[in-house]
Amino acid sequence: MEAVLDNLGLVGLFFISFLSSTLYPLGSEVFVVLALKLDYEALQVWIVATLGNTLGSLSTYLLGFLGKEYLINKYYSKAYAKLQKLENFIKKYGFLCAFLTFLPLIGDVFALGLGIFKYSWKKCVFFIALGKGARYLALIALF
């Protein structure tokens, strides 16, 4: 793990952060701490991880926004079933759902639901970035 980040540097951190916030399960926090241990500057690590993680969640949002409901139901049936139960909550509290996309498992479902229910992309960008940035800031501060 250390060798991967050591060889790929901040570009590797970006891609790991991106992938970890899509529907692919991967934890970026370990790599953020590892980057700090490898003496990367904290501000650079925060920016790269926040940007990668935000864009990853926005790709999931876009999948929901542009994806046909039957394709999402076919390939992501478990996530879609959860979304049906959360539809009214997402429509009413979309800003909170966007902020909480940093949460494991449910965050991906929130991002997908925000897209499916056509929540404002401008608000999604802002609140997703805010939540992801706050999470990484807290993690870096603890390190």
N, C-alpha and C. Protein backbone atom coordinates (compact mmCIF):
# COMPACT_ATOMS: atom_id res chain seq x y z
N MET A 1 0.83 -1.18 0.00
CA MET A 1 0.00 0.00 0.00
C MET A 1 0.88 1.25 0.00
N GLU A 2 1.88 1.24 0.86
CA GLU A 2 2.78 2.39 0.93
C GLU A 2 3.54 2.56 -0.38
N ALA A 3 3.93 1.46 -0.99
CA ALA A 3 4.67 1.51 -2.25
C ALA A 3 3.83 2.13 -3.36
N VAL A 4 2.55 1.80 -3.37
CA VAL A 4 1.64 2.35 -4.38
C VAL A 4 1.59 3.86 -4.26
N LEU A 5 1.37 4.35 -3.06
CA LEU A 5 1.27 5.79 -2.85
C LEU A 5 2.61 6.46 -3.04
N ASP A 6 3.66 5.79 -2.63
CA ASP A 6 5.00 6.36 -2.79
C ASP A 6 5.35 6.51 -4.27
N ASN A 7 4.95 5.55 -5.09
CA ASN A 7 5.24 5.60 -6.53
C ASN A 7 4.32 6.57 -7.28
N LEU A 8 3.07 6.60 -6.91
CA LEU A 8 2.09 7.42 -7.64
C LEU A 8 1.90 8.81 -7.05
N GLY A 9 2.29 9.00 -5.81
CA GLY A 9 2.21 10.32 -5.17
C GLY A 9 0.79 10.85 -5.05
N LEU A 10 0.67 12.16 -5.22
CA LEU A 10 -0.62 12.81 -5.06
C LEU A 10 -1.61 12.43 -6.16
N VAL A 11 -1.10 12.07 -7.33
CA VAL A 11 -1.98 11.59 -8.40
C VAL A 11 -2.65 10.29 -7.96
N GLY A 12 -1.87 9.41 -7.35
CA GLY A 12 -2.43 8.17 -6.82
C GLY A 12 -3.46 8.43 -5.74
N LEU A 13 -3.17 9.39 -4.86
CA LEU A 13 -4.12 9.76 -3.81
C LEU A 13 -5.42 10.28 -4.41
N PHE A 14 -5.30 11.07 -5.47
CA PHE A 14 -6.49 11.59 -6.16
C PHE A 14 -7.35 10.44 -6.67
N PHE A 15 -6.74 9.48 -7.37
CA PHE A 15 -7.52 8.38 -7.93
C PHE A 15 -8.10 7.46 -6.86
N ILE A 16 -7.36 7.23 -5.81
CA ILE A 16 -7.88 6.43 -4.69
C ILE A 16 -9.06 7.15 -4.04
N SER A 17 -8.92 8.45 -3.84
CA SER A 17 -10.01 9.24 -3.26
C SER A 17 -11.22 9.25 -4.17
N PHE A 18 -10.99 9.35 -5.46
CA PHE A 18 -12.09 9.33 -6.44
C PHE A 18 -12.82 7.99 -6.37
N LEU A 19 -12.07 6.91 -6.49
CA LEU A 19 -12.68 5.58 -6.49
C LEU A 19 -13.42 5.27 -5.19
N SER A 20 -12.87 5.74 -4.09
CA SER A 20 -13.48 5.40 -2.80
C SER A 20 -14.82 6.08 -2.59
N SER A 21 -15.14 7.07 -3.39
CA SER A 21 -16.43 7.75 -3.21
C SER A 21 -17.40 7.42 -4.33
N THR A 22 -17.06 6.43 -5.13
CA THR A 22 -18.02 5.92 -6.11
C THR A 22 -18.71 4.73 -5.47
N LEU A 23 -19.42 3.98 -6.26
CA LEU A 23 -20.10 2.81 -5.72
C LEU A 23 -19.14 1.65 -5.47
N TYR A 24 -17.86 1.87 -5.71
CA TYR A 24 -16.82 0.87 -5.44
C TYR A 24 -16.30 1.06 -4.01
N PRO A 25 -16.42 0.07 -3.16
CA PRO A 25 -16.03 0.24 -1.75
C PRO A 25 -14.51 0.27 -1.55
N LEU A 26 -14.01 1.36 -1.05
CA LEU A 26 -12.59 1.53 -0.79
C LEU A 26 -12.46 2.67 0.20
N GLY A 27 -11.57 2.56 1.17
CA GLY A 27 -11.40 3.61 2.18
C GLY A 27 -10.21 4.50 1.85
N SER A 28 -10.46 5.76 1.64
CA SER A 28 -9.38 6.69 1.29
C SER A 28 -8.65 7.22 2.53
N GLU A 29 -9.27 7.12 3.68
CA GLU A 29 -8.69 7.69 4.90
C GLU A 29 -7.30 7.12 5.20
N VAL A 30 -7.13 5.83 4.98
CA VAL A 30 -5.84 5.18 5.22
C VAL A 30 -4.77 5.80 4.33
N PHE A 31 -5.14 6.09 3.10
CA PHE A 31 -4.18 6.66 2.15
C PHE A 31 -3.87 8.12 2.46
N VAL A 32 -4.84 8.83 3.00
CA VAL A 32 -4.60 10.22 3.42
C VAL A 32 -3.57 10.23 4.55
N VAL A 33 -3.77 9.38 5.54
CA VAL A 33 -2.82 9.30 6.65
C VAL A 33 -1.45 8.83 6.15
N LEU A 34 -1.46 7.88 5.25
CA LEU A 34 -0.20 7.39 4.68
C LEU A 34 0.54 8.50 3.93
N ALA A 35 -0.18 9.31 3.19
CA ALA A 35 0.44 10.44 2.47
C ALA A 35 1.07 11.41 3.46
N LEU A 36 0.42 11.64 4.57
CA LEU A 36 0.99 12.53 5.59
C LEU A 36 2.24 11.90 6.20
N LYS A 37 2.21 10.58 6.42
CA LYS A 37 3.38 9.88 6.95
C LYS A 37 4.56 9.92 5.97
N LEU A 38 4.23 10.00 4.68
CA LEU A 38 5.27 10.08 3.65
C LEU A 38 5.73 11.53 3.44
N ASP A 39 5.33 12.41 4.34
CA ASP A 39 5.75 13.82 4.36
C ASP A 39 5.21 14.67 3.22
N TYR A 40 4.06 14.30 2.68
CA TYR A 40 3.40 15.22 1.76
C TYR A 40 2.80 16.35 2.58
N GLU A 41 2.77 17.53 2.01
CA GLU A 41 2.25 18.70 2.72
C GLU A 41 0.75 18.50 3.00
N ALA A 42 0.34 18.81 4.23
CA ALA A 42 -1.04 18.59 4.66
C ALA A 42 -2.05 19.32 3.78
N LEU A 43 -1.75 20.55 3.40
CA LEU A 43 -2.69 21.31 2.57
C LEU A 43 -2.86 20.64 1.20
N GLN A 44 -1.78 20.17 0.62
CA GLN A 44 -1.87 19.48 -0.67
C GLN A 44 -2.67 18.19 -0.54
N VAL A 45 -2.42 17.45 0.51
CA VAL A 45 -3.16 16.20 0.74
C VAL A 45 -4.64 16.51 0.89
N TRP A 46 -4.97 17.53 1.65
CA TRP A 46 -6.38 17.92 1.87
C TRP A 46 -7.05 18.30 0.55
N ILE A 47 -6.38 19.12 -0.24
CA ILE A 47 -6.96 19.57 -1.52
C ILE A 47 -7.16 18.39 -2.47
N VAL A 48 -6.15 17.57 -2.63
CA VAL A 48 -6.20 16.44 -3.57
C VAL A 48 -7.27 15.43 -3.14
N ALA A 49 -7.28 15.07 -1.87
CA ALA A 49 -8.25 14.08 -1.38
C ALA A 49 -9.67 14.63 -1.47
N THR A 50 -9.86 15.89 -1.09
CA THR A 50 -11.19 16.50 -1.16
C THR A 50 -11.68 16.58 -2.60
N LEU A 51 -10.82 17.01 -3.50
CA LEU A 51 -11.20 17.13 -4.91
C LEU A 51 -11.52 15.76 -5.50
N GLY A 52 -10.66 14.79 -5.29
CA GLY A 52 -10.90 13.45 -5.82
C GLY A 52 -12.17 12.83 -5.26
N ASN A 53 -12.37 12.94 -3.97
CA ASN A 53 -13.54 12.35 -3.32
C ASN A 53 -14.82 13.05 -3.75
N THR A 54 -14.76 14.36 -3.89
CA THR A 54 -15.93 15.13 -4.35
C THR A 54 -16.30 14.74 -5.77
N LEU A 55 -15.32 14.67 -6.66
CA LEU A 55 -15.60 14.30 -8.04
C LEU A 55 -16.11 12.87 -8.15
N GLY A 56 -15.63 11.99 -7.29
CA GLY A 56 -16.14 10.63 -7.28
C GLY A 56 -17.61 10.57 -6.91
N SER A 57 -17.99 11.33 -5.89
CA SER A 57 -19.41 11.38 -5.50
C SER A 57 -20.25 12.03 -6.59
N LEU A 58 -19.69 13.03 -7.25
CA LEU A 58 -20.44 13.67 -8.34
C LEU A 58 -20.60 12.74 -9.53
N SER A 59 -19.68 11.82 -9.74
CA SER A 59 -19.86 10.83 -10.81
C SER A 59 -21.02 9.90 -10.47
N THR A 60 -21.17 9.56 -9.20
CA THR A 60 -22.31 8.74 -8.77
C THR A 60 -23.60 9.53 -8.91
N TYR A 61 -23.56 10.82 -8.55
CA TYR A 61 -24.71 11.71 -8.74
C TYR A 61 -25.10 11.73 -10.23
N LEU A 62 -24.10 11.88 -11.10
CA LEU A 62 -24.35 11.94 -12.53
C LEU A 62 -24.93 10.63 -13.06
N LEU A 63 -24.47 9.53 -12.53
CA LEU A 63 -25.02 8.23 -12.89
C LEU A 63 -26.52 8.20 -12.60
N GLY A 64 -26.89 8.69 -11.43
CA GLY A 64 -28.31 8.75 -11.08
C GLY A 64 -29.08 9.76 -11.91
N PHE A 65 -28.47 10.90 -12.17
CA PHE A 65 -29.13 11.98 -12.91
C PHE A 65 -29.38 11.58 -14.37
N LEU A 66 -28.38 10.98 -15.00
CA LEU A 66 -28.48 10.64 -16.41
C LEU A 66 -28.94 9.21 -16.66
N GLY A 67 -28.75 8.35 -15.66
CA GLY A 67 -29.07 6.94 -15.83
C GLY A 67 -30.55 6.69 -15.92
N LYS A 68 -30.88 5.74 -16.73
CA LYS A 68 -32.27 5.34 -16.83
C LYS A 68 -32.62 4.54 -15.58
N GLU A 69 -33.80 4.77 -15.06
CA GLU A 69 -34.23 4.13 -13.82
C GLU A 69 -34.12 2.61 -13.90
N TYR A 70 -34.45 2.03 -15.03
CA TYR A 70 -34.40 0.57 -15.13
C TYR A 70 -32.96 0.04 -15.10
N LEU A 71 -32.01 0.80 -15.65
CA LEU A 71 -30.61 0.38 -15.58
C LEU A 71 -30.09 0.43 -14.14
N ILE A 72 -30.45 1.49 -13.44
CA ILE A 72 -30.03 1.62 -12.05
C ILE A 72 -30.67 0.52 -11.22
N ASN A 73 -31.95 0.27 -11.46
CA ASN A 73 -32.65 -0.80 -10.74
C ASN A 73 -32.03 -2.15 -11.04
N LYS A 74 -31.60 -2.35 -12.29
CA LYS A 74 -31.02 -3.63 -12.69
C LYS A 74 -29.64 -3.86 -12.07
N TYR A 75 -28.77 -2.86 -12.14
CA TYR A 75 -27.39 -3.05 -11.72
C TYR A 75 -27.12 -2.64 -10.27
N TYR A 76 -27.95 -1.79 -9.74
CA TYR A 76 -27.76 -1.31 -8.36
C TYR A 76 -29.07 -1.48 -7.59
N SER A 77 -29.65 -2.67 -7.66
CA SER A 77 -30.98 -2.89 -7.10
C SER A 77 -31.05 -2.67 -5.60
N LYS A 78 -30.01 -3.04 -4.87
CA LYS A 78 -30.03 -2.83 -3.41
C LYS A 78 -30.02 -1.34 -3.08
N ALA A 79 -29.17 -0.58 -3.76
CA ALA A 79 -29.12 0.86 -3.54
C ALA A 79 -30.44 1.50 -3.95
N TYR A 80 -31.01 1.04 -5.06
CA TYR A 80 -32.26 1.61 -5.55
C TYR A 80 -33.41 1.35 -4.58
N ALA A 81 -33.43 0.17 -3.99
CA ALA A 81 -34.47 -0.17 -3.01
C ALA A 81 -34.39 0.76 -1.80
N LYS A 82 -33.17 1.04 -1.35
CA LYS A 82 -32.99 1.98 -0.23
C LYS A 82 -33.45 3.37 -0.62
N LEU A 83 -33.19 3.75 -1.85
CA LEU A 83 -33.55 5.08 -2.31
C LEU A 83 -35.05 5.30 -2.32
N GLN A 84 -35.79 4.30 -2.71
CA GLN A 84 -37.24 4.42 -2.76
C GLN A 84 -37.79 4.81 -1.38
N LYS A 85 -37.17 4.26 -0.33
CA LYS A 85 -37.59 4.57 1.03
C LYS A 85 -37.17 5.98 1.45
N LEU A 86 -36.11 6.48 0.84
CA LEU A 86 -35.55 7.78 1.23
C LEU A 86 -35.97 8.94 0.32
N GLU A 87 -36.80 8.67 -0.66
CA GLU A 87 -37.12 9.69 -1.67
C GLU A 87 -37.60 11.00 -1.07
N ASN A 88 -38.58 10.95 -0.19
CA ASN A 88 -39.10 12.20 0.39
C ASN A 88 -38.06 12.91 1.23
N PHE A 89 -37.27 12.15 1.96
CA PHE A 89 -36.20 12.74 2.78
C PHE A 89 -35.17 13.44 1.89
N ILE A 90 -34.77 12.78 0.82
CA ILE A 90 -33.78 13.35 -0.09
C ILE A 90 -34.31 14.61 -0.75
N LYS A 91 -35.57 14.59 -1.16
CA LYS A 91 -36.15 15.78 -1.80
C LYS A 91 -36.24 16.95 -0.82
N LYS A 92 -36.54 16.66 0.43
CA LYS A 92 -36.70 17.73 1.43
C LYS A 92 -35.36 18.19 2.01
N TYR A 93 -34.47 17.25 2.28
CA TYR A 93 -33.20 17.55 2.95
C TYR A 93 -32.00 17.19 2.07
N GLY A 94 -32.09 17.50 0.79
CA GLY A 94 -31.03 17.17 -0.14
C GLY A 94 -29.68 17.75 0.25
N PHE A 95 -29.70 18.97 0.79
CA PHE A 95 -28.44 19.60 1.22
C PHE A 95 -27.75 18.77 2.28
N LEU A 96 -28.51 18.21 3.21
CA LEU A 96 -27.94 17.38 4.27
C LEU A 96 -27.44 16.04 3.70
N CYS A 97 -28.20 15.48 2.79
CA CYS A 97 -27.77 14.23 2.15
C CYS A 97 -26.46 14.46 1.39
N ALA A 98 -26.36 15.59 0.69
CA ALA A 98 -25.13 15.91 -0.05
C ALA A 98 -23.96 16.07 0.92
N PHE A 99 -24.18 16.77 2.00
CA PHE A 99 -23.12 16.96 2.99
C PHE A 99 -22.66 15.63 3.57
N LEU A 100 -23.60 14.72 3.79
CA LEU A 100 -23.30 13.44 4.44
C LEU A 100 -22.83 12.34 3.48
N THR A 101 -22.51 12.70 2.24
CA THR A 101 -22.01 11.69 1.30
C THR A 101 -20.66 11.13 1.73
N PHE A 102 -20.02 11.74 2.71
CA PHE A 102 -18.74 11.19 3.20
C PHE A 102 -18.94 9.95 4.06
N LEU A 103 -20.15 9.68 4.49
CA LEU A 103 -20.41 8.52 5.34
C LEU A 103 -20.24 7.21 4.57
N PRO A 104 -19.65 6.21 5.21
CA PRO A 104 -19.50 4.92 4.53
C PRO A 104 -20.86 4.31 4.18
N LEU A 105 -20.93 3.65 3.05
CA LEU A 105 -22.10 2.92 2.54
C LEU A 105 -23.28 3.83 2.19
N ILE A 106 -23.85 4.50 3.14
CA ILE A 106 -25.04 5.31 2.88
C ILE A 106 -24.71 6.56 2.06
N GLY A 107 -23.47 7.04 2.14
CA GLY A 107 -23.09 8.22 1.37
C GLY A 107 -23.21 8.00 -0.12
N ASP A 108 -22.84 6.81 -0.59
CA ASP A 108 -22.98 6.49 -2.01
C ASP A 108 -24.44 6.45 -2.42
N VAL A 109 -25.27 5.92 -1.55
CA VAL A 109 -26.71 5.85 -1.81
C VAL A 109 -27.28 7.27 -1.87
N PHE A 110 -26.83 8.15 -0.97
CA PHE A 110 -27.28 9.54 -1.02
C PHE A 110 -26.90 10.20 -2.34
N ALA A 111 -25.66 10.01 -2.77
CA ALA A 111 -25.20 10.63 -4.03
C ALA A 111 -26.03 10.13 -5.21
N LEU A 112 -26.28 8.84 -5.25
CA LEU A 112 -27.09 8.27 -6.32
C LEU A 112 -28.52 8.81 -6.28
N GLY A 113 -29.08 8.87 -5.07
CA GLY A 113 -30.44 9.38 -4.91
C GLY A 113 -30.58 10.84 -5.28
N LEU A 114 -29.60 11.64 -4.93
CA LEU A 114 -29.63 13.05 -5.31
C LEU A 114 -29.70 13.20 -6.82
N GLY A 115 -28.99 12.34 -7.53
CA GLY A 115 -29.04 12.38 -8.98
C GLY A 115 -30.37 11.88 -9.53
N ILE A 116 -30.84 10.76 -9.02
CA ILE A 116 -32.10 10.19 -9.50
C ILE A 116 -33.25 11.17 -9.31
N PHE A 117 -33.27 11.84 -8.18
CA PHE A 117 -34.37 12.75 -7.88
C PHE A 117 -34.08 14.18 -8.34
N LYS A 118 -33.02 14.32 -9.15
CA LYS A 118 -32.69 15.58 -9.84
C LYS A 118 -32.50 16.76 -8.89
N TYR A 119 -31.84 16.51 -7.77
CA TYR A 119 -31.53 17.59 -6.83
C TYR A 119 -30.54 18.54 -7.51
N SER A 120 -30.62 19.81 -7.20
CA SER A 120 -29.80 20.86 -7.81
C SER A 120 -28.32 20.48 -7.82
N TRP A 121 -27.71 20.47 -9.01
CA TRP A 121 -26.30 20.09 -9.11
C TRP A 121 -25.40 21.12 -8.44
N LYS A 122 -25.80 22.39 -8.46
CA LYS A 122 -24.98 23.43 -7.81
C LYS A 122 -24.93 23.21 -6.30
N LYS A 123 -26.08 22.91 -5.73
CA LYS A 123 -26.12 22.62 -4.29
C LYS A 123 -25.36 21.35 -3.97
N CYS A 124 -25.46 20.35 -4.85
CA CYS A 124 -24.72 19.10 -4.65
C CYS A 124 -23.23 19.35 -4.63
N VAL A 125 -22.74 20.08 -5.60
CA VAL A 125 -21.30 20.37 -5.65
C VAL A 125 -20.86 21.04 -4.36
N PHE A 126 -21.59 22.07 -3.95
CA PHE A 126 -21.21 22.83 -2.76
C PHE A 126 -21.24 21.96 -1.50
N PHE A 127 -22.35 21.29 -1.25
CA PHE A 127 -22.49 20.55 0.01
C PHE A 127 -21.68 19.26 0.03
N ILE A 128 -21.52 18.62 -1.11
CA ILE A 128 -20.65 17.44 -1.15
C ILE A 128 -19.21 17.85 -0.85
N ALA A 129 -18.73 18.90 -1.51
CA ALA A 129 -17.36 19.38 -1.27
C ALA A 129 -17.18 19.82 0.18
N LEU A 130 -18.18 20.48 0.74
CA LEU A 130 -18.11 20.93 2.13
C LEU A 130 -17.99 19.75 3.08
N GLY A 131 -18.81 18.73 2.88
CA GLY A 131 -18.76 17.55 3.74
C GLY A 131 -17.47 16.77 3.62
N LYS A 132 -17.05 16.57 2.39
CA LYS A 132 -15.80 15.83 2.16
C LYS A 132 -14.61 16.61 2.72
N GLY A 133 -14.59 17.92 2.46
CA GLY A 133 -13.49 18.75 2.96
C GLY A 133 -13.43 18.77 4.48
N ALA A 134 -14.58 18.86 5.12
CA ALA A 134 -14.63 18.87 6.59
C ALA A 134 -14.13 17.54 7.16
N ARG A 135 -14.52 16.45 6.53
CA ARG A 135 -14.08 15.13 6.99
C ARG A 135 -12.56 14.99 6.90
N TYR A 136 -12.00 15.37 5.75
CA TYR A 136 -10.53 15.26 5.60
C TYR A 136 -9.80 16.26 6.48
N LEU A 137 -10.36 17.42 6.69
CA LEU A 137 -9.75 18.40 7.59
C LEU A 137 -9.67 17.84 9.01
N ALA A 138 -10.75 17.22 9.45
CA ALA A 138 -10.77 16.61 10.79
C ALA A 138 -9.74 15.48 10.88
N LEU A 139 -9.67 14.66 9.84
CA LEU A 139 -8.72 13.55 9.82
C LEU A 139 -7.28 14.06 9.87
N ILE A 140 -6.99 15.06 9.08
CA ILE A 140 -5.63 15.63 9.05
C ILE A 140 -5.29 16.30 10.37
N ALA A 141 -6.26 16.98 10.95
CA ALA A 141 -6.03 17.65 12.24
C ALA A 141 -5.73 16.62 13.34
N LEU A 142 -6.38 15.48 13.27
CA LEU A 142 -6.15 14.42 14.25
C LEU A 142 -4.79 13.76 14.08
N PHE A 143 -4.28 13.80 12.86
CA PHE A 143 -2.99 13.19 12.60
C PHE A 143 -1.89 14.09 13.11
